[in-house]
Amino acid sequence: MEDQPSSRMNQIFDLLVEEIEERIQVRSRSMPPVRPPVSPPTEAAPPPPPARVEREEALPEPQVEVKRHPLDPEPEPELLPVSQGPSHAARMMGRLALGLLVAIVLINIPFNRHGTTLATAMPDSAALVVLDGLVVKEEDDEEIYVYQNDQFRWISSLDAFEHFGFTWGDVHIVEDGYLDRFEIGTPLHVLLKCHSSPHIYRLERGEKRWIRDIATFEAEGPVWEDVRFVSCTYLRGLPDGETIPPGSGPPPQP
């Protein structure tokens, strides 16, 4: 089985981070130290005159200030290394974040009319969290299932898929045989009816199956919220399937 997209993406990001760290270290070692600016020498202010002595007493020895000759060399200032690493690293991390954003956008751009993206087109069953509402399709199977009440239920038609609010972006492609480890529940059907006809049909595999009476309707388990109203012309254009229950005679047309 091919590696998951997230694994390949993580390897690429690890290589980018290693390259960034190496460049930061090389730049820090090659950057010369920067000397701080040296202010010109200033004349020392003369000391204040001694306070007047009211009584005769021993005066301290006068302080002699040693002035530096103008031709004496300037003292060597202490070098303060200034690292350019943080700002350079910040720029590189910004570029990396931009690249990551572009990658996320690319893998989520639909590439067909069904809205399928790279993020959902590749098998990702290892990373899936199985919760109610999860929609999956095995790679080599056209049937789509939704997880409800600890079971996967087959969505029996495109009309049912749209009627129950699913989109192609919800579908996760899994490897063949993935559904074998789960319990399969009753299919998820949509019921069709047009306003000018009393008959109700269940749409299954592109065929309309006439439900013979209300008792059969209730025994099948659907509710009236599952009934979708369509035009009678649309219903007549659908091929007839087996009646519910089977053997109920020719199905009436809407």
C-alpha atoms as a PDB file:
ATOM      1  CA  MET A   1       0.000   0.000   0.000  1.00  0.00           C
ATOM      2  CA  GLU A   2       1.334   3.428  -0.871  1.00  0.00           C
ATOM      3  CA  ASP A   3       2.436   5.791   1.882  1.00  0.00           C
ATOM      4  CA  GLN A   4      -0.127   8.177   3.174  1.00  0.00           C
ATOM      5  CA  PRO A   5      -0.046  11.791   1.857  1.00  0.00           C
ATOM      6  CA  SER A   6       0.554  13.098   5.360  1.00  0.00           C
ATOM      7  CA  SER A   7       3.682  10.892   5.739  1.00  0.00           C
ATOM      8  CA  ARG A   8       5.175  12.118   2.485  1.00  0.00           C
ATOM      9  CA  MET A   9       4.348  15.708   3.377  1.00  0.00           C
ATOM     10  CA  ASN A  10       5.947  15.322   6.823  1.00  0.00           C
ATOM     11  CA  GLN A  11       9.181  14.033   5.228  1.00  0.00           C
ATOM     12  CA  ILE A  12       9.318  17.071   2.935  1.00  0.00           C
ATOM     13  CA  PHE A  13       8.758  19.452   5.863  1.00  0.00           C
ATOM     14  CA  ASP A  14      11.493  17.715   7.924  1.00  0.00           C
ATOM     15  CA  LEU A  15      14.002  18.188   5.085  1.00  0.00           C
ATOM     16  CA  LEU A  16      13.038  21.873   4.792  1.00  0.00           C
ATOM     17  CA  VAL A  17      13.506  22.452   8.537  1.00  0.00           C
ATOM     18  CA  GLU A  18      16.965  20.765   8.508  1.00  0.00           C
ATOM     19  CA  GLU A  19      18.062  22.941   5.565  1.00  0.00           C
ATOM     20  CA  ILE A  20      16.839  26.093   7.354  1.00  0.00           C
ATOM     21  CA  GLU A  21      18.723  25.221  10.567  1.00  0.00           C
ATOM     22  CA  GLU A  22      21.968  24.554   8.652  1.00  0.00           C
ATOM     23  CA  ARG A  23      21.744  27.877   6.805  1.00  0.00           C
ATOM     24  CA  ILE A  24      21.106  29.774  10.057  1.00  0.00           C
ATOM     25  CA  GLN A  25      24.231  28.256  11.640  1.00  0.00           C
ATOM     26  CA  VAL A  26      26.416  29.076   8.608  1.00  0.00           C
ATOM     27  CA  ARG A  27      25.098  32.646   8.488  1.00  0.00           C
ATOM     28  CA  SER A  28      25.732  33.177  12.235  1.00  0.00           C
ATOM     29  CA  ARG A  29      29.366  31.931  12.019  1.00  0.00           C
ATOM     30  CA  SER A  30      30.189  34.066   8.953  1.00  0.00           C
ATOM     31  CA  MET A  31      28.634  37.319  10.197  1.00  0.00           C
ATOM     32  CA  PRO A  32      31.419  39.800  11.366  1.00  0.00           C
ATOM     33  CA  PRO A  33      30.988  41.464  14.790  1.00  0.00           C
ATOM     34  CA  VAL A  34      29.632  44.951  14.708  1.00  0.00           C
ATOM     35  CA  ARG A  35      31.450  47.674  16.640  1.00  0.00           C
ATOM     36  CA  PRO A  36      29.228  50.127  18.504  1.00  0.00           C
ATOM     37  CA  PRO A  37      29.679  53.815  17.588  1.00  0.00           C
ATOM     38  CA  VAL A  38      32.319  55.669  19.719  1.00  0.00           C
ATOM     39  CA  SER A  39      31.474  59.152  20.918  1.00  0.00           C
ATOM     40  CA  PRO A  40      34.228  61.843  20.644  1.00  0.00           C
ATOM     41  CA  PRO A  41      36.115  62.643  23.893  1.00  0.00           C
ATOM     42  CA  THR A  42      34.687  65.425  25.984  1.00  0.00           C
ATOM     43  CA  GLU A  43      36.468  67.754  28.388  1.00  0.00           C
ATOM     44  CA  ALA A  44      35.890  66.820  31.993  1.00  0.00           C
ATOM     45  CA  ALA A  45      33.966  69.432  33.929  1.00  0.00           C
ATOM     46  CA  PRO A  46      36.160  71.303  36.506  1.00  0.00           C
ATOM     47  CA  PRO A  47      35.569  70.246  40.092  1.00  0.00           C
ATOM     48  CA  PRO A  48      33.423  72.561  42.227  1.00  0.00           C
ATOM     49  CA  PRO A  49      35.344  74.971  44.489  1.00  0.00           C
ATOM     50  CA  PRO A  50      35.906  73.709  48.026  1.00  0.00           C
ATOM     51  CA  ALA A  51      33.453  74.836  50.633  1.00  0.00           C
ATOM     52  CA  ARG A  52      34.560  77.719  52.862  1.00  0.00           C
ATOM     53  CA  VAL A  53      36.112  76.586  56.119  1.00  0.00           C
ATOM     54  CA  GLU A  54      34.873  78.584  59.062  1.00  0.00           C
ATOM     55  CA  ARG A  55      37.580  77.289  61.363  1.00  0.00           C
ATOM     56  CA  GLU A  56      41.169  76.523  60.770  1.00  0.00           C
ATOM     57  CA  GLU A  57      41.581  72.808  60.467  1.00  0.00           C
ATOM     58  CA  ALA A  58      43.608  70.378  58.427  1.00  0.00           C
ATOM     59  CA  LEU A  59      42.504  70.434  54.832  1.00  0.00           C
ATOM     60  CA  PRO A  60      42.593  67.234  52.754  1.00  0.00           C
ATOM     61  CA  GLU A  61      45.204  66.834  50.151  1.00  0.00           C
ATOM     62  CA  PRO A  62      44.059  68.356  46.849  1.00  0.00           C
ATOM     63  CA  GLN A  63      42.858  65.876  44.290  1.00  0.00           C
ATOM     64  CA  VAL A  64      44.837  65.870  41.102  1.00  0.00           C
ATOM     65  CA  GLU A  65      42.847  64.926  38.019  1.00  0.00           C
ATOM     66  CA  VAL A  66      44.776  63.147  35.331  1.00  0.00           C
ATOM     67  CA  LYS A  67      43.673  64.302  31.936  1.00  0.00           C
ATOM     68  CA  ARG A  68      44.194  62.198  28.854  1.00  0.00           C
ATOM     69  CA  HIS A  69      46.360  63.794  26.203  1.00  0.00           C
ATOM     70  CA  PRO A  70      44.516  64.342  22.894  1.00  0.00           C
ATOM     71  CA  LEU A  71      47.143  62.308  21.068  1.00  0.00           C
ATOM     72  CA  ASP A  72      46.790  59.304  23.328  1.00  0.00           C
ATOM     73  CA  PRO A  73      45.187  56.333  21.500  1.00  0.00           C
ATOM     74  CA  GLU A  74      41.530  55.688  22.044  1.00  0.00           C
ATOM     75  CA  PRO A  75      40.762  52.802  24.402  1.00  0.00           C
ATOM     76  CA  GLU A  76      39.695  49.710  22.570  1.00  0.00           C
ATOM     77  CA  PRO A  77      35.902  49.404  22.898  1.00  0.00           C
ATOM     78  CA  GLU A  78      34.440  46.106  23.885  1.00  0.00           C
ATOM     79  CA  LEU A  79      33.055  44.305  20.882  1.00  0.00           C
ATOM     80  CA  LEU A  80      29.393  43.452  21.129  1.00  0.00           C
ATOM     81  CA  PRO A  81      28.501  40.626  18.770  1.00  0.00           C
ATOM     82  CA  VAL A  82      25.203  41.226  17.036  1.00  0.00           C
ATOM     83  CA  SER A  83      23.590  38.099  15.735  1.00  0.00           C
ATOM     84  CA  GLN A  84      21.594  38.319  12.547  1.00  0.00           C
ATOM     85  CA  GLY A  85      20.203  34.841  13.088  1.00  0.00           C
ATOM     86  CA  PRO A  86      16.779  35.549  14.603  1.00  0.00           C
ATOM     87  CA  SER A  87      15.614  37.915  11.861  1.00  0.00           C
ATOM     88  CA  HIS A  88      16.887  35.584   9.135  1.00  0.00           C
ATOM     89  CA  ALA A  89      15.258  32.594  10.826  1.00  0.00           C
ATOM     90  CA  ALA A  90      12.004  34.510  11.091  1.00  0.00           C
ATOM     91  CA  ARG A  91      12.060  35.217   7.363  1.00  0.00           C
ATOM     92  CA  MET A  92      12.768  31.570   6.563  1.00  0.00           C
ATOM     93  CA  MET A  93      10.004  30.339   8.870  1.00  0.00           C
ATOM     94  CA  GLY A  94       7.624  32.774   7.194  1.00  0.00           C
ATOM     95  CA  ARG A  95       8.510  31.317   3.800  1.00  0.00           C
ATOM     96  CA  LEU A  96       8.010  27.802   5.159  1.00  0.00           C
ATOM     97  CA  ALA A  97       4.590  28.735   6.562  1.00  0.00           C
ATOM     98  CA  LEU A  98       3.637  30.224   3.185  1.00  0.00           C
ATOM     99  CA  GLY A  99       4.710  27.033   1.420  1.00  0.00           C
ATOM    100  CA  LEU A 100       2.677  24.940   3.838  1.00  0.00           C
ATOM    101  CA  LEU A 101      -0.385  27.110   3.222  1.00  0.00           C
ATOM    102  CA  VAL A 102       0.017  26.727  -0.543  1.00  0.00           C
ATOM    103  CA  ALA A 103       0.299  22.928  -0.166  1.00  0.00           C
ATOM    104  CA  ILE A 104      -2.876  22.781   1.945  1.00  0.00           C
ATOM    105  CA  VAL A 105      -4.761  24.837  -0.623  1.00  0.00           C
ATOM    106  CA  LEU A 106      -3.549  22.662  -3.507  1.00  0.00           C
ATOM    107  CA  ILE A 107      -4.577  19.347  -1.944  1.00  0.00           C
ATOM    108  CA  ASN A 108      -8.044  20.743  -1.209  1.00  0.00           C
ATOM    109  CA  ILE A 109      -8.781  22.100  -4.707  1.00  0.00           C
ATOM    110  CA  PRO A 110     -11.395  19.904  -6.462  1.00  0.00           C
ATOM    111  CA  PHE A 111     -10.037  18.329  -9.632  1.00  0.00           C
ATOM    112  CA  ASN A 112     -13.260  16.920 -11.069  1.00  0.00           C
ATOM    113  CA  ARG A 113     -16.917  17.879 -11.383  1.00  0.00           C
ATOM    114  CA  HIS A 114     -17.833  15.930  -8.233  1.00  0.00           C
ATOM    115  CA  GLY A 115     -15.655  18.124  -6.048  1.00  0.00           C
ATOM    116  CA  THR A 116     -13.151  15.373  -5.274  1.00  0.00           C
ATOM    117  CA  THR A 117      -9.881  16.698  -3.828  1.00  0.00           C
ATOM    118  CA  LEU A 118      -6.450  15.180  -3.319  1.00  0.00           C
ATOM    119  CA  ALA A 119      -7.140  15.130   0.402  1.00  0.00           C
ATOM    120  CA  THR A 120     -10.088  12.741  -0.122  1.00  0.00           C
ATOM    121  CA  ALA A 121      -9.024  10.923  -3.299  1.00  0.00           C
ATOM    122  CA  MET A 122      -6.199   8.930  -1.729  1.00  0.00           C
ATOM    123  CA  PRO A 123      -6.787   6.031   0.698  1.00  0.00           C
ATOM    124  CA  ASP A 124      -6.680   7.394   4.227  1.00  0.00           C
ATOM    125  CA  SER A 125      -8.356   4.688   6.299  1.00  0.00           C
ATOM    126  CA  ALA A 126      -5.436   4.508   8.737  1.00  0.00           C
ATOM    127  CA  ALA A 127      -6.082   8.094   9.836  1.00  0.00           C
ATOM    128  CA  LEU A 128      -9.900   7.906   9.856  1.00  0.00           C
ATOM    129  CA  VAL A 129     -11.829   8.286  13.087  1.00  0.00           C
ATOM    130  CA  VAL A 130     -14.993   6.220  12.738  1.00  0.00           C
ATOM    131  CA  LEU A 131     -17.864   8.330  14.013  1.00  0.00           C
ATOM    132  CA  ASP A 132     -21.501   8.790  13.036  1.00  0.00           C
ATOM    133  CA  GLY A 133     -21.688  10.615   9.700  1.00  0.00           C
ATOM    134  CA  LEU A 134     -18.452   9.227   8.249  1.00  0.00           C
ATOM    135  CA  VAL A 135     -18.911   8.641   4.499  1.00  0.00           C
ATOM    136  CA  VAL A 136     -16.617   6.161   2.727  1.00  0.00           C
ATOM    137  CA  LYS A 137     -16.195   4.449  -0.627  1.00  0.00           C
ATOM    138  CA  GLU A 138     -13.837   1.590  -1.392  1.00  0.00           C
ATOM    139  CA  GLU A 139     -11.393   2.222  -4.244  1.00  0.00           C
ATOM    140  CA  ASP A 140     -12.820  -0.266  -6.757  1.00  0.00           C
ATOM    141  CA  ASP A 141     -16.466  -0.068  -5.679  1.00  0.00           C
ATOM    142  CA  GLU A 142     -19.005   2.563  -6.750  1.00  0.00           C
ATOM    143  CA  GLU A 143     -21.203   2.115  -3.692  1.00  0.00           C
ATOM    144  CA  ILE A 144     -21.052   4.775  -0.965  1.00  0.00           C
ATOM    145  CA  TYR A 145     -21.701   4.078   2.722  1.00  0.00           C
ATOM    146  CA  VAL A 146     -22.395   6.254   5.747  1.00  0.00           C
ATOM    147  CA  TYR A 147     -21.677   5.239   9.343  1.00  0.00           C
ATOM    148  CA  GLN A 148     -24.744   5.468  11.598  1.00  0.00           C
ATOM    149  CA  ASN A 149     -25.482   3.778  14.943  1.00  0.00           C
ATOM    150  CA  ASP A 150     -22.409   1.491  14.860  1.00  0.00           C
ATOM    151  CA  GLN A 151     -23.179   0.320  11.309  1.00  0.00           C
ATOM    152  CA  PHE A 152     -22.275   1.294   7.778  1.00  0.00           C
ATOM    153  CA  ARG A 153     -25.383   1.898   5.664  1.00  0.00           C
ATOM    154  CA  TRP A 154     -25.349   1.802   1.893  1.00  0.00           C
ATOM    155  CA  ILE A 155     -26.635   5.001   0.235  1.00  0.00           C
ATOM    156  CA  SER A 156     -28.713   3.427  -2.492  1.00  0.00           C
ATOM    157  CA  SER A 157     -28.884   6.279  -5.037  1.00  0.00           C
ATOM    158  CA  LEU A 158     -27.536   9.661  -5.990  1.00  0.00           C
ATOM    159  CA  ASP A 159     -30.924  11.154  -5.087  1.00  0.00           C
ATOM    160  CA  ALA A 160     -30.590   9.699  -1.586  1.00  0.00           C
ATOM    161  CA  PHE A 161     -27.023  10.984  -1.391  1.00  0.00           C
ATOM    162  CA  GLU A 162     -28.175  14.535  -2.166  1.00  0.00           C
ATOM    163  CA  HIS A 163     -31.448  14.279  -0.235  1.00  0.00           C
ATOM    164  CA  PHE A 164     -29.667  13.495   3.034  1.00  0.00           C
ATOM    165  CA  GLY A 165     -27.269  16.400   2.591  1.00  0.00           C
ATOM    166  CA  PHE A 166     -24.027  14.643   1.635  1.00  0.00           C
ATOM    167  CA  THR A 167     -21.468  16.186  -0.722  1.00  0.00           C
ATOM    168  CA  TRP A 168     -18.608  14.649  -2.693  1.00  0.00           C
ATOM    169  CA  GLY A 169     -16.179  16.421  -0.417  1.00  0.00           C
ATOM    170  CA  ASP A 170     -17.500  14.246   2.460  1.00  0.00           C
ATOM    171  CA  VAL A 171     -16.510  10.981   0.742  1.00  0.00           C
ATOM    172  CA  HIS A 172     -13.303   9.307   1.959  1.00  0.00           C
ATOM    173  CA  ILE A 173     -11.689   6.749  -0.357  1.00  0.00           C
ATOM    174  CA  VAL A 174     -10.592   3.618   1.540  1.00  0.00           C
ATOM    175  CA  GLU A 175      -8.852   0.440   0.454  1.00  0.00           C
ATOM    176  CA  ASP A 176     -10.830  -2.503  -0.865  1.00  0.00           C
ATOM    177  CA  GLY A 177     -12.092  -4.726   1.944  1.00  0.00           C
ATOM    178  CA  TYR A 178     -12.182  -1.894   4.492  1.00  0.00           C
ATOM    179  CA  LEU A 179     -15.915  -2.378   5.128  1.00  0.00           C
ATOM    180  CA  ASP A 180     -15.473  -6.104   5.839  1.00  0.00           C
ATOM    181  CA  ARG A 181     -14.427  -5.340   9.407  1.00  0.00           C
ATOM    182  CA  PHE A 182     -17.701  -3.517  10.194  1.00  0.00           C
ATOM    183  CA  GLU A 183     -21.346  -4.481  10.506  1.00  0.00           C
ATOM    184  CA  ILE A 184     -23.467  -3.472   7.511  1.00  0.00           C
ATOM    185  CA  GLY A 185     -26.887  -2.064   8.381  1.00  0.00           C
ATOM    186  CA  THR A 186     -30.014  -1.472   6.340  1.00  0.00           C
ATOM    187  CA  PRO A 187     -29.589   0.637   3.189  1.00  0.00           C
ATOM    188  CA  LEU A 188     -30.351   4.329   3.213  1.00  0.00           C
ATOM    189  CA  HIS A 189     -33.091   4.976   0.642  1.00  0.00           C
ATOM    190  CA  VAL A 190     -34.987   7.999  -0.569  1.00  0.00           C
ATOM    191  CA  LEU A 191     -38.690   7.752  -1.381  1.00  0.00           C
ATOM    192  CA  LEU A 192     -40.128   9.588  -4.395  1.00  0.00           C
ATOM    193  CA  LYS A 193     -43.616  10.915  -4.947  1.00  0.00           C
ATOM    194  CA  CYS A 194     -45.205  13.500  -7.230  1.00  0.00           C
ATOM    195  CA  HIS A 195     -48.036  15.778  -6.143  1.00  0.00           C
ATOM    196  CA  SER A 196     -50.688  14.527  -8.585  1.00  0.00           C
ATOM    197  CA  SER A 197     -50.235  10.826  -7.752  1.00  0.00           C
ATOM    198  CA  PRO A 198     -50.910   8.896  -4.517  1.00  0.00           C
ATOM    199  CA  HIS A 199     -48.199   6.323  -5.216  1.00  0.00           C
ATOM    200  CA  ILE A 200     -44.858   6.258  -3.397  1.00  0.00           C
ATOM    201  CA  TYR A 201     -41.745   4.704  -4.897  1.00  0.00           C
ATOM    202  CA  ARG A 202     -38.398   3.780  -3.414  1.00  0.00           C
ATOM    203  CA  LEU A 203     -35.439   4.708  -5.570  1.00  0.00           C
ATOM    204  CA  GLU A 204     -32.796   2.000  -5.689  1.00  0.00           C
ATOM    205  CA  ARG A 205     -29.932   1.595  -8.191  1.00  0.00           C
ATOM    206  CA  GLY A 206     -31.596   4.059 -10.549  1.00  0.00           C
ATOM    207  CA  GLU A 207     -34.937   2.212 -10.573  1.00  0.00           C
ATOM    208  CA  LYS A 208     -38.218   3.160  -8.941  1.00  0.00           C
ATOM    209  CA  ARG A 209     -39.773   0.422  -6.797  1.00  0.00           C
ATOM    210  CA  TRP A 210     -43.482   0.862  -6.111  1.00  0.00           C
ATOM    211  CA  ILE A 211     -44.500   0.429  -2.450  1.00  0.00           C
ATOM    212  CA  ARG A 212     -47.814  -1.350  -2.588  1.00  0.00           C
ATOM    213  CA  ASP A 213     -49.625   0.189   0.427  1.00  0.00           C
ATOM    214  CA  ILE A 214     -49.235   2.146   3.660  1.00  0.00           C
ATOM    215  CA  ALA A 215     -48.811  -1.012   5.751  1.00  0.00           C
ATOM    216  CA  THR A 216     -45.839  -2.039   3.595  1.00  0.00           C
ATOM    217  CA  PHE A 217     -44.486   1.496   3.783  1.00  0.00           C
ATOM    218  CA  GLU A 218     -44.516   1.430   7.597  1.00  0.00           C
ATOM    219  CA  ALA A 219     -43.132  -2.110   7.744  1.00  0.00           C
ATOM    220  CA  GLU A 220     -40.115  -1.048   5.670  1.00  0.00           C
ATOM    221  CA  GLY A 221     -39.177   1.458   8.364  1.00  0.00           C
ATOM    222  CA  PRO A 222     -38.979   4.799   6.533  1.00  0.00           C
ATOM    223  CA  VAL A 223     -40.629   7.955   7.780  1.00  0.00           C
ATOM    224  CA  TRP A 224     -42.542  10.610   5.886  1.00  0.00           C
ATOM    225  CA  GLU A 225     -39.530  12.946   6.150  1.00  0.00           C
ATOM    226  CA  ASP A 226     -37.729  10.551   3.801  1.00  0.00           C
ATOM    227  CA  VAL A 227     -40.241  11.235   1.016  1.00  0.00           C
ATOM    228  CA  ARG A 228     -38.923  13.578  -1.661  1.00  0.00           C
ATOM    229  CA  PHE A 229     -41.379  15.293  -3.985  1.00  0.00           C
ATOM    230  CA  VAL A 230     -40.391  15.365  -7.644  1.00  0.00           C
ATOM    231  CA  SER A 231     -42.186  15.968 -10.891  1.00  0.00           C
ATOM    232  CA  CYS A 232     -44.384  13.198 -12.280  1.00  0.00           C
ATOM    233  CA  THR A 233     -42.503  13.458 -15.572  1.00  0.00           C
ATOM    234  CA  TYR A 234     -39.259  12.644 -13.765  1.00  0.00           C
ATOM    235  CA  LEU A 235     -40.855   9.646 -12.047  1.00  0.00           C
ATOM    236  CA  ARG A 236     -42.287   8.273 -15.309  1.00  0.00           C
ATOM    237  CA  GLY A 237     -38.874   8.518 -16.901  1.00  0.00           C
ATOM    238  CA  LEU A 238     -37.293   6.197 -14.309  1.00  0.00           C
ATOM    239  CA  PRO A 239     -37.249   2.468 -15.135  1.00  0.00           C
ATOM    240  CA  ASP A 240     -39.451   0.213 -13.024  1.00  0.00           C
ATOM    241  CA  GLY A 241     -37.814  -2.105 -10.522  1.00  0.00           C
ATOM    242  CA  GLU A 242     -39.217  -4.965  -8.468  1.00  0.00           C
ATOM    243  CA  THR A 243     -42.271  -3.998  -6.435  1.00  0.00           C
ATOM    244  CA  ILE A 244     -42.267  -3.856  -2.624  1.00  0.00           C
ATOM    245  CA  PRO A 245     -43.093  -6.518  -1.572  1.00  0.00           C
ATOM    246  CA  PRO A 246     -41.936  -8.510  -4.606  1.00  0.00           C
ATOM    247  CA  GLY A 247     -44.602 -10.088  -6.830  1.00  0.00           C
ATOM    248  CA  SER A 248     -47.202  -7.374  -6.315  1.00  0.00           C
ATOM    249  CA  GLY A 249     -48.066  -7.183 -10.012  1.00  0.00           C
ATOM    250  CA  PRO A 250     -47.287  -4.476 -12.586  1.00  0.00           C
ATOM    251  CA  PRO A 251     -46.438  -1.228 -10.823  1.00  0.00           C
ATOM    252  CA  PRO A 252     -48.772   1.691 -11.477  1.00  0.00           C
ATOM    253  CA  GLN A 253     -47.341   4.775 -13.118  1.00  0.00           C
ATOM    254  CA  PRO A 254     -47.528   8.152 -11.372  1.00  0.00           C
END
